[in-house]
Amino acid sequence: MNDADKQALVERYLAAYNAFDIDGMVALLSDDVRFENHAGGALTTATDGRDAFRALAEQSRRLFSVREQRARSWRFEPARTIVEIDYRGTLAQDIPGGPAAGTELMLQGRSEFGFAGDRINHLADFS
């Protein structure tokens, strides 16, 4: 897969994510996809496989009334594509001990994508 194909695949994933289209997101993933979320330098969540990813995505979807990931920059390496991301989301429900429903979150981070064939087989988010 060349860099243009990788970018197009990631852009499709981001569009599905922003539209809360879980089926669209999962359709772009390999059966053995690995997902990781890192926050503050620590691994906070990890899943292996499409079914586990889908379950996490369904759970996460209920947390937000609006969410958007926007690519700021792209870096293509042989084993991964690194995308600097601007993230904006509005909470749909209160977070116990945290922000209330209606709170808008704005973050910057990066997502690293790995590929197998014409699918995403690794996704790691860092914030």
C-alpha atoms as a PDB file:
ATOM      1  CA  MET A   1       0.000   0.000   0.000  1.00  0.00           C
ATOM      2  CA  ASN A   2       1.469   3.372  -0.944  1.00  0.00           C
ATOM      3  CA  ASP A   3       1.314   6.526   1.181  1.00  0.00           C
ATOM      4  CA  ALA A   4      -1.644   7.984  -0.741  1.00  0.00           C
ATOM      5  CA  ASP A   5      -3.642   4.784  -0.165  1.00  0.00           C
ATOM      6  CA  LYS A   6      -2.751   4.816   3.529  1.00  0.00           C
ATOM      7  CA  GLN A   7      -3.834   8.450   3.855  1.00  0.00           C
ATOM      8  CA  ALA A   8      -7.119   7.756   2.057  1.00  0.00           C
ATOM      9  CA  LEU A   9      -7.826   4.793   4.356  1.00  0.00           C
ATOM     10  CA  VAL A  10      -7.104   6.847   7.484  1.00  0.00           C
ATOM     11  CA  GLU A  11      -9.258   9.713   6.167  1.00  0.00           C
ATOM     12  CA  ARG A  12     -12.144   7.246   5.690  1.00  0.00           C
ATOM     13  CA  TYR A  13     -11.619   6.016   9.251  1.00  0.00           C
ATOM     14  CA  LEU A  14     -11.650   9.584  10.639  1.00  0.00           C
ATOM     15  CA  ALA A  15     -14.808  10.448   8.683  1.00  0.00           C
ATOM     16  CA  ALA A  16     -16.554   7.344  10.069  1.00  0.00           C
ATOM     17  CA  TYR A  17     -15.339   8.186  13.593  1.00  0.00           C
ATOM     18  CA  ASN A  18     -16.637  11.760  13.339  1.00  0.00           C
ATOM     19  CA  ALA A  19     -20.019  10.500  12.068  1.00  0.00           C
ATOM     20  CA  PHE A  20     -20.350   7.919  14.905  1.00  0.00           C
ATOM     21  CA  ASP A  21     -20.392   5.272  12.145  1.00  0.00           C
ATOM     22  CA  ILE A  22     -19.121   2.243  14.073  1.00  0.00           C
ATOM     23  CA  ASP A  23     -19.821  -0.146  11.179  1.00  0.00           C
ATOM     24  CA  GLY A  24     -17.848   2.125   8.857  1.00  0.00           C
ATOM     25  CA  MET A  25     -14.911   2.243  11.271  1.00  0.00           C
ATOM     26  CA  VAL A  26     -14.844  -1.518  11.857  1.00  0.00           C
ATOM     27  CA  ALA A  27     -15.073  -2.266   8.116  1.00  0.00           C
ATOM     28  CA  LEU A  28     -11.643  -0.649   7.683  1.00  0.00           C
ATOM     29  CA  LEU A  29      -9.955  -2.829  10.330  1.00  0.00           C
ATOM     30  CA  SER A  30      -8.255  -6.208  10.058  1.00  0.00           C
ATOM     31  CA  ASP A  31      -9.748  -9.091  12.057  1.00  0.00           C
ATOM     32  CA  ASP A  32      -6.760  -9.011  14.441  1.00  0.00           C
ATOM     33  CA  VAL A  33      -6.575  -5.235  14.877  1.00  0.00           C
ATOM     34  CA  ARG A  34      -4.774  -3.975  17.982  1.00  0.00           C
ATOM     35  CA  PHE A  35      -6.050  -0.718  19.522  1.00  0.00           C
ATOM     36  CA  GLU A  36      -4.234   1.191  22.256  1.00  0.00           C
ATOM     37  CA  ASN A  37      -4.982   4.450  24.025  1.00  0.00           C
ATOM     38  CA  HIS A  38      -2.134   6.185  25.832  1.00  0.00           C
ATOM     39  CA  ALA A  39      -2.714   9.197  28.091  1.00  0.00           C
ATOM     40  CA  GLY A  40      -0.089  11.015  30.103  1.00  0.00           C
ATOM     41  CA  GLY A  41       2.560   8.514  29.031  1.00  0.00           C
ATOM     42  CA  ALA A  42       0.625   5.449  30.263  1.00  0.00           C
ATOM     43  CA  LEU A  43      -1.337   2.789  28.400  1.00  0.00           C
ATOM     44  CA  THR A  44      -4.935   3.315  29.560  1.00  0.00           C
ATOM     45  CA  THR A  45      -6.911   1.006  27.247  1.00  0.00           C
ATOM     46  CA  ALA A  46      -6.092  -1.792  24.825  1.00  0.00           C
ATOM     47  CA  THR A  47      -8.154  -4.178  22.726  1.00  0.00           C
ATOM     48  CA  ASP A  48      -7.305  -7.042  20.402  1.00  0.00           C
ATOM     49  CA  GLY A  49      -9.599  -7.987  17.527  1.00  0.00           C
ATOM     50  CA  ARG A  50     -12.486  -6.344  15.712  1.00  0.00           C
ATOM     51  CA  ASP A  51     -15.158  -7.503  18.166  1.00  0.00           C
ATOM     52  CA  ALA A  52     -13.342  -6.015  21.152  1.00  0.00           C
ATOM     53  CA  PHE A  53     -12.729  -2.796  19.216  1.00  0.00           C
ATOM     54  CA  ARG A  54     -16.431  -2.613  18.276  1.00  0.00           C
ATOM     55  CA  ALA A  55     -17.485  -3.066  21.924  1.00  0.00           C
ATOM     56  CA  LEU A  56     -15.171  -0.246  23.034  1.00  0.00           C
ATOM     57  CA  ALA A  57     -16.336   2.005  20.174  1.00  0.00           C
ATOM     58  CA  GLU A  58     -20.003   1.414  21.114  1.00  0.00           C
ATOM     59  CA  GLN A  59     -19.254   2.271  24.739  1.00  0.00           C
ATOM     60  CA  SER A  60     -17.313   5.407  23.763  1.00  0.00           C
ATOM     61  CA  ARG A  61     -20.013   6.585  21.361  1.00  0.00           C
ATOM     62  CA  ARG A  62     -22.475   6.998  24.230  1.00  0.00           C
ATOM     63  CA  LEU A  63     -20.087   9.349  26.064  1.00  0.00           C
ATOM     64  CA  PHE A  64     -20.226  12.102  23.430  1.00  0.00           C
ATOM     65  CA  SER A  65     -22.981  14.041  21.685  1.00  0.00           C
ATOM     66  CA  VAL A  66     -20.448  15.523  19.236  1.00  0.00           C
ATOM     67  CA  ARG A  67     -16.909  14.455  18.462  1.00  0.00           C
ATOM     68  CA  GLU A  68     -14.395  15.310  15.800  1.00  0.00           C
ATOM     69  CA  GLN A  69     -10.858  14.298  15.007  1.00  0.00           C
ATOM     70  CA  ARG A  70      -9.088  16.520  12.491  1.00  0.00           C
ATOM     71  CA  ALA A  71      -5.707  15.686  10.973  1.00  0.00           C
ATOM     72  CA  ARG A  72      -3.133  18.478  11.375  1.00  0.00           C
ATOM     73  CA  SER A  73      -0.155  16.724   9.812  1.00  0.00           C
ATOM     74  CA  TRP A  74       0.934  13.401   8.329  1.00  0.00           C
ATOM     75  CA  ARG A  75       4.188  11.456   8.539  1.00  0.00           C
ATOM     76  CA  PHE A  76       4.639   8.249   6.592  1.00  0.00           C
ATOM     77  CA  GLU A  77       7.144   5.673   7.793  1.00  0.00           C
ATOM     78  CA  PRO A  78       7.657   2.159   6.475  1.00  0.00           C
ATOM     79  CA  ALA A  79       5.872   0.460   9.397  1.00  0.00           C
ATOM     80  CA  ARG A  80       3.351   3.139  10.385  1.00  0.00           C
ATOM     81  CA  THR A  81       1.619   6.368   9.506  1.00  0.00           C
ATOM     82  CA  ILE A  82       1.644   9.053  12.190  1.00  0.00           C
ATOM     83  CA  VAL A  83      -1.122  11.654  12.205  1.00  0.00           C
ATOM     84  CA  GLU A  84      -1.094  14.693  14.474  1.00  0.00           C
ATOM     85  CA  ILE A  85      -4.713  15.168  15.573  1.00  0.00           C
ATOM     86  CA  ASP A  86      -6.866  18.000  16.892  1.00  0.00           C
ATOM     87  CA  TYR A  87      -9.728  16.520  18.919  1.00  0.00           C
ATOM     88  CA  ARG A  88     -12.954  18.175  19.979  1.00  0.00           C
ATOM     89  CA  GLY A  89     -15.826  16.474  21.778  1.00  0.00           C
ATOM     90  CA  THR A  90     -18.894  17.416  23.795  1.00  0.00           C
ATOM     91  CA  LEU A  91     -19.809  15.099  26.667  1.00  0.00           C
ATOM     92  CA  ALA A  92     -23.275  13.560  26.449  1.00  0.00           C
ATOM     93  CA  GLN A  93     -23.255  12.481  30.099  1.00  0.00           C
ATOM     94  CA  ASP A  94     -21.606  13.380  33.367  1.00  0.00           C
ATOM     95  CA  ILE A  95     -18.279  11.700  34.118  1.00  0.00           C
ATOM     96  CA  PRO A  96     -18.242  10.572  37.778  1.00  0.00           C
ATOM     97  CA  GLY A  97     -15.779  12.813  39.607  1.00  0.00           C
ATOM     98  CA  GLY A  98     -15.082  14.658  36.357  1.00  0.00           C
ATOM     99  CA  PRO A  99     -16.657  17.047  33.896  1.00  0.00           C
ATOM    100  CA  ALA A 100     -20.424  17.391  33.478  1.00  0.00           C
ATOM    101  CA  ALA A 101     -22.540  16.630  30.420  1.00  0.00           C
ATOM    102  CA  GLY A 102     -22.285  19.462  27.903  1.00  0.00           C
ATOM    103  CA  THR A 103     -18.605  20.106  28.658  1.00  0.00           C
ATOM    104  CA  GLU A 104     -16.541  20.574  25.514  1.00  0.00           C
ATOM    105  CA  LEU A 105     -13.153  18.872  25.500  1.00  0.00           C
ATOM    106  CA  MET A 106     -10.385  20.070  23.208  1.00  0.00           C
ATOM    107  CA  LEU A 107      -7.153  18.083  22.966  1.00  0.00           C
ATOM    108  CA  GLN A 108      -4.172  17.646  20.717  1.00  0.00           C
ATOM    109  CA  GLY A 109      -2.490  14.329  20.235  1.00  0.00           C
ATOM    110  CA  ARG A 110      -1.374  11.846  17.668  1.00  0.00           C
ATOM    111  CA  SER A 111      -2.612   8.601  16.223  1.00  0.00           C
ATOM    112  CA  GLU A 112      -0.339   5.947  14.802  1.00  0.00           C
ATOM    113  CA  PHE A 113      -1.744   3.556  12.207  1.00  0.00           C
ATOM    114  CA  GLY A 114      -0.288   0.254  11.024  1.00  0.00           C
ATOM    115  CA  PHE A 115      -1.544  -1.640   8.000  1.00  0.00           C
ATOM    116  CA  ALA A 116      -1.906  -5.195   6.725  1.00  0.00           C
ATOM    117  CA  GLY A 117      -3.119  -5.592   3.173  1.00  0.00           C
ATOM    118  CA  ASP A 118      -5.767  -2.943   2.594  1.00  0.00           C
ATOM    119  CA  ARG A 119      -6.847  -2.691   6.256  1.00  0.00           C
ATOM    120  CA  ILE A 120      -5.750  -0.958   9.460  1.00  0.00           C
ATOM    121  CA  ASN A 121      -4.241  -3.583  11.773  1.00  0.00           C
ATOM    122  CA  HIS A 122      -2.875  -1.327  14.516  1.00  0.00           C
ATOM    123  CA  LEU A 123      -4.153   1.951  15.939  1.00  0.00           C
ATOM    124  CA  ALA A 124      -2.553   3.734  18.874  1.00  0.00           C
ATOM    125  CA  ASP A 125      -3.861   7.072  20.169  1.00  0.00           C
ATOM    126  CA  PHE A 126      -1.618   9.310  22.297  1.00  0.00           C
ATOM    127  CA  SER A 127      -2.752  12.358  24.287  1.00  0.00           C
END
